[in-house]
């Protein structure tokens, strides 16, 4: 409520009033009285704020252009630029390629009267990677140019930039994936994998080893096992196939594997009747290879099983309840139910045959602990990841493909089941504004863009009094769900390492509203840090944050129209986690043949110029099936990547 301020005496200059927000949406309209209104907002202040926002958007756009230029030089110019290259590195590389000498301090001069590009000598040795005799002259000359004026072993350090005040770069992830998809997208067989040009393998490997990772922190590496290895009857499908894959993973020197334990399989038919036999057999085989296990307790359904013929849904007895009460599922504005996971509105409602949502989760977690307590005590099970939402990630199911969503749609709010609506009415009533007890009616549809809606557009209702109330309530439900489930997880697992996965929703990140994040439950517009309250709650429960650095398979279609900024989002999450003293780990679904992305993962997991020496707790590699068919093509790079993660020096001849 605004306070009535007295007018200053005549002749005195009135002090500049603080900027105030213009009410929008339900809060718009004339003030109750003219005398109670605050001082008007000056036009100059509004213009300055708009110019700041435009400047911020121009800077992000400039960074995106730089990222694509770097990607093009790496891919088409054969320049092994470091992952954190800036334009100084590009100029230095171009100057050296033209025959100039560039010193680490920037001193540049033309080399003594010699041809810019001398005839190629016999194939040189680049670090531990031997150049194949079939390389093109242009590629050989490019590598030779890097030896002009600066020794090869100092090239990486000479090109490194001091980014202690800058984000750890994830540049050109989207652009590089698009290029690789264009070049290799139609080759899915093992023959096409084996026919990859040696030029590209050398370039990828040299990019990955742009820095020396010896004597860096040891970061354990875990590889996910296919989620279809346990069938719907909780039986291990192919024990010998599992042994074969574990044998190859062991040869890569990975530290352990990730196993998905599905609620829809273990408690499939009868409440409180748990079947763990298939997982018991699987853990026994993993124990033979002396690998550690990270378990993912999946309280959601999935159509991706790795085998292609098994649909993992929620337990059958849950689906029976849903025939009479569909409000146990998340619901969009049109009344469509999302059966992937249970609504958070029933966390405290005993509608599941006498149990509430969190009681069902607790009973499942306690059953797992009682069944495999001995494996935890032996150290085989190193951590337990708790699924807290759609796809096992902490988020609302706001962009389901089965509802017709396509990237880069903003998604829709999922708060229209009767239990969520009841909670919304109670919150609105407590604020004294019962007419706020409804979802926004101008937030668009799944595939809308922010500027097409009245709620998410610049200056839209998301920043009105009503919009701020609704978004605070919507994100507050997410935080409350985290608090309740993790409180019970601490009781069930008695001191075990708990992991929680945060999604990477980076499309529309460079807009003011961050619409896709808002519908997913993260109140993170440009004028608010929406992840801080969430990570503060995770810190309260002493969990490990799992950060998904890159998006799913659809991100290869990204373009400027979606205003993406994966680097900005990753940097925000990492810094917020570090500010709260929250340990974090990294998960990435990397394509097997992409050494540049391995390099970026290494730089993200081990920031070189961080004065506080932060680093990831572990790295989780979400494999792309079929891993075994691709192993001949990606084995050398994976092995080198694991050694770099472990802080070891790769041996000569690897890669």
Foldseek 3Di string as FASTA:
>chain_A
DAAQDDDDDPPDDDDQDDDDDQFDDPPDDDDPDPRRDDDDGDPVVVVVVVVVLVVLLVVLVVLQVQLLVVLCCLPPVVALAAQPFGVLLVVCLVLLQQQWAADLVGDIDHDPPDHRFDFADQFDCQVQDTDDRPDDRSNRSSVVSLPRNHHNVCSLVSRDDQVLVHFQDPGPPLVNLLVCCVVCVVDDALVSLVPDDPSLVVSLVCNLPSDALFPAAFFAEEEEDFQQCQALQRARNDLVVLLVVVVLVVVLVGQAYEYEDEQCRQCAEDQLRGDNVRVVVVLVSRVVSVHAYEYEYDQWWDCRRVVNPGTRFHHPLVVVLCVVAVLQAFAFPVGDGDRGHGDLLQQPPLSSVRRTPLVSLLSVLLVVCVVCVVCVVVRRHQEYEYQQEHPSALWHPFADVVVVADPPFLGTAGQPRPSSLVVLQVLCVVVVHNVLSDDDPFLDHRRDDQCNTQQRRVVHNCPHPSNVSVLCSQLVSSLVSVLSNLVSSCVSNVDHAYEHEHEQNFFLVSPQQSRSCSSGRFRPGPVDHRCLSNLLSVVVSQHEYEYEQDDDPSSNPDDCVRVGDSSVSLSSVVVSCVVNVHAYEYEYADDLSRSSSLSSVLCSQFVDNNPVRHGHNHYYHHYDPPCVSSCVSRVLSSSCSSCSSRSHDDDRPGD
